């Protein structure tokens, strides 16, 4: 059994009718913090090997997520084959 963490940013952006660019801009406008477009893209495409806690918190705040399960899930790689 092989478990991996999957970020569900793709689903969340569809649900909120937002693009990656719009999410980046909204976070920057509301917080004044700079967010790398590549960092959001890597999360969206599940290409990150580590998660930036601050970025995950910024995304959760912007998308009004109160339950971590809305943002990430554990997936059994064997089930996805």
C-alpha atoms as a PDB file:
ATOM      1  CA  UNK A   1       0.000   0.000   0.000  1.00  0.00           C
ATOM      2  CA  UNK A   2       1.327   3.419  -0.975  1.00  0.00           C
ATOM      3  CA  UNK A   3      -0.332   6.524   0.435  1.00  0.00           C
ATOM      4  CA  UNK A   4       0.211  10.018  -0.921  1.00  0.00           C
ATOM      5  CA  UNK A   5      -1.151  13.434  -0.020  1.00  0.00           C
ATOM      6  CA  UNK A   6      -3.221  15.100  -2.741  1.00  0.00           C
ATOM      7  CA  UNK A   7      -3.986  18.819  -2.738  1.00  0.00           C
ATOM      8  CA  UNK A   8      -7.495  19.435  -4.090  1.00  0.00           C
ATOM      9  CA  UNK A   9      -6.852  22.985  -5.291  1.00  0.00           C
ATOM     10  CA  UNK A  10      -8.110  22.140  -8.782  1.00  0.00           C
ATOM     11  CA  UNK A  11     -11.514  21.141  -7.380  1.00  0.00           C
ATOM     12  CA  UNK A  12     -11.681  24.144  -5.061  1.00  0.00           C
ATOM     13  CA  UNK A  13     -10.933  26.660  -7.788  1.00  0.00           C
ATOM     14  CA  UNK A  14     -13.636  25.137  -9.998  1.00  0.00           C
ATOM     15  CA  UNK A  15     -16.080  25.261  -7.077  1.00  0.00           C
ATOM     16  CA  UNK A  16     -15.263  28.944  -6.469  1.00  0.00           C
ATOM     17  CA  UNK A  17     -15.145  29.715 -10.214  1.00  0.00           C
ATOM     18  CA  UNK A  18     -11.595  31.068  -9.938  1.00  0.00           C
ATOM     19  CA  UNK A  19      -8.444  30.686 -11.984  1.00  0.00           C
ATOM     20  CA  UNK A  20      -5.020  30.194 -10.471  1.00  0.00           C
ATOM     21  CA  UNK A  21      -4.151  33.761 -11.438  1.00  0.00           C
ATOM     22  CA  UNK A  22      -7.298  35.145  -9.805  1.00  0.00           C
ATOM     23  CA  UNK A  23      -6.531  33.254  -6.589  1.00  0.00           C
ATOM     24  CA  UNK A  24      -2.982  34.648  -6.572  1.00  0.00           C
ATOM     25  CA  UNK A  25      -4.251  38.199  -7.116  1.00  0.00           C
ATOM     26  CA  UNK A  26      -6.938  37.909  -4.444  1.00  0.00           C
ATOM     27  CA  UNK A  27      -4.458  36.621  -1.862  1.00  0.00           C
ATOM     28  CA  UNK A  28      -2.024  39.417  -2.680  1.00  0.00           C
ATOM     29  CA  UNK A  29      -4.751  42.080  -2.536  1.00  0.00           C
ATOM     30  CA  UNK A  30      -6.179  40.896   0.764  1.00  0.00           C
ATOM     31  CA  UNK A  31      -2.861  40.243   2.535  1.00  0.00           C
ATOM     32  CA  UNK A  32      -0.269  42.399   0.785  1.00  0.00           C
ATOM     33  CA  UNK A  33       1.951  39.320   0.581  1.00  0.00           C
ATOM     34  CA  UNK A  34       3.597  38.202  -2.659  1.00  0.00           C
ATOM     35  CA  UNK A  35       2.620  34.741  -3.864  1.00  0.00           C
ATOM     36  CA  UNK A  36       4.539  32.976  -6.619  1.00  0.00           C
ATOM     37  CA  UNK A  37       2.317  31.918  -9.513  1.00  0.00           C
ATOM     38  CA  UNK A  38       4.493  28.818  -9.848  1.00  0.00           C
ATOM     39  CA  UNK A  39       3.771  27.833  -6.233  1.00  0.00           C
ATOM     40  CA  UNK A  40       0.021  27.889  -6.872  1.00  0.00           C
ATOM     41  CA  UNK A  41       0.463  26.039 -10.157  1.00  0.00           C
ATOM     42  CA  UNK A  42       2.532  23.327  -8.474  1.00  0.00           C
ATOM     43  CA  UNK A  43      -0.149  22.848  -5.813  1.00  0.00           C
ATOM     44  CA  UNK A  44      -2.893  22.845  -8.442  1.00  0.00           C
ATOM     45  CA  UNK A  45      -1.062  20.149 -10.423  1.00  0.00           C
ATOM     46  CA  UNK A  46       0.074  18.208  -7.331  1.00  0.00           C
ATOM     47  CA  UNK A  47       3.721  18.608  -8.245  1.00  0.00           C
ATOM     48  CA  UNK A  48       4.952  19.762  -4.822  1.00  0.00           C
ATOM     49  CA  UNK A  49       6.934  17.351  -2.672  1.00  0.00           C
ATOM     50  CA  UNK A  50       6.520  19.596   0.365  1.00  0.00           C
ATOM     51  CA  UNK A  51       3.813  22.016   1.416  1.00  0.00           C
ATOM     52  CA  UNK A  52       4.377  25.607   2.456  1.00  0.00           C
ATOM     53  CA  UNK A  53       2.289  26.052   5.597  1.00  0.00           C
ATOM     54  CA  UNK A  54       1.910  29.805   5.108  1.00  0.00           C
ATOM     55  CA  UNK A  55       0.707  29.423   1.516  1.00  0.00           C
ATOM     56  CA  UNK A  56      -1.769  26.718   2.521  1.00  0.00           C
ATOM     57  CA  UNK A  57      -3.098  29.021   5.260  1.00  0.00           C
ATOM     58  CA  UNK A  58      -3.414  31.919   2.795  1.00  0.00           C
ATOM     59  CA  UNK A  59      -5.339  29.727   0.361  1.00  0.00           C
ATOM     60  CA  UNK A  60      -7.592  28.367   3.113  1.00  0.00           C
ATOM     61  CA  UNK A  61      -8.313  31.879   4.350  1.00  0.00           C
ATOM     62  CA  UNK A  62      -9.051  33.241   0.888  1.00  0.00           C
ATOM     63  CA  UNK A  63     -11.338  30.323  -0.016  1.00  0.00           C
ATOM     64  CA  UNK A  64     -12.921  30.320   3.473  1.00  0.00           C
ATOM     65  CA  UNK A  65     -11.940  26.734   4.203  1.00  0.00           C
ATOM     66  CA  UNK A  66     -12.475  25.596   7.786  1.00  0.00           C
ATOM     67  CA  UNK A  67     -11.894  21.872   7.274  1.00  0.00           C
ATOM     68  CA  UNK A  68      -8.489  20.640   6.116  1.00  0.00           C
ATOM     69  CA  UNK A  69     -10.212  17.777   4.283  1.00  0.00           C
ATOM     70  CA  UNK A  70     -11.565  20.310   1.797  1.00  0.00           C
ATOM     71  CA  UNK A  71      -8.001  21.190   0.797  1.00  0.00           C
ATOM     72  CA  UNK A  72      -6.072  17.913   1.061  1.00  0.00           C
ATOM     73  CA  UNK A  73      -6.758  14.193   1.095  1.00  0.00           C
ATOM     74  CA  UNK A  74      -4.817  10.981   1.502  1.00  0.00           C
ATOM     75  CA  UNK A  75      -4.962   8.771  -1.585  1.00  0.00           C
ATOM     76  CA  UNK A  76      -3.983   5.120  -1.944  1.00  0.00           C
ATOM     77  CA  UNK A  77      -1.886   5.015  -5.125  1.00  0.00           C
ATOM     78  CA  UNK A  78      -2.891   1.411  -5.713  1.00  0.00           C
ATOM     79  CA  UNK A  79      -6.560   2.420  -5.976  1.00  0.00           C
ATOM     80  CA  UNK A  80      -5.772   5.021  -8.644  1.00  0.00           C
ATOM     81  CA  UNK A  81      -4.200   2.436 -11.017  1.00  0.00           C
END
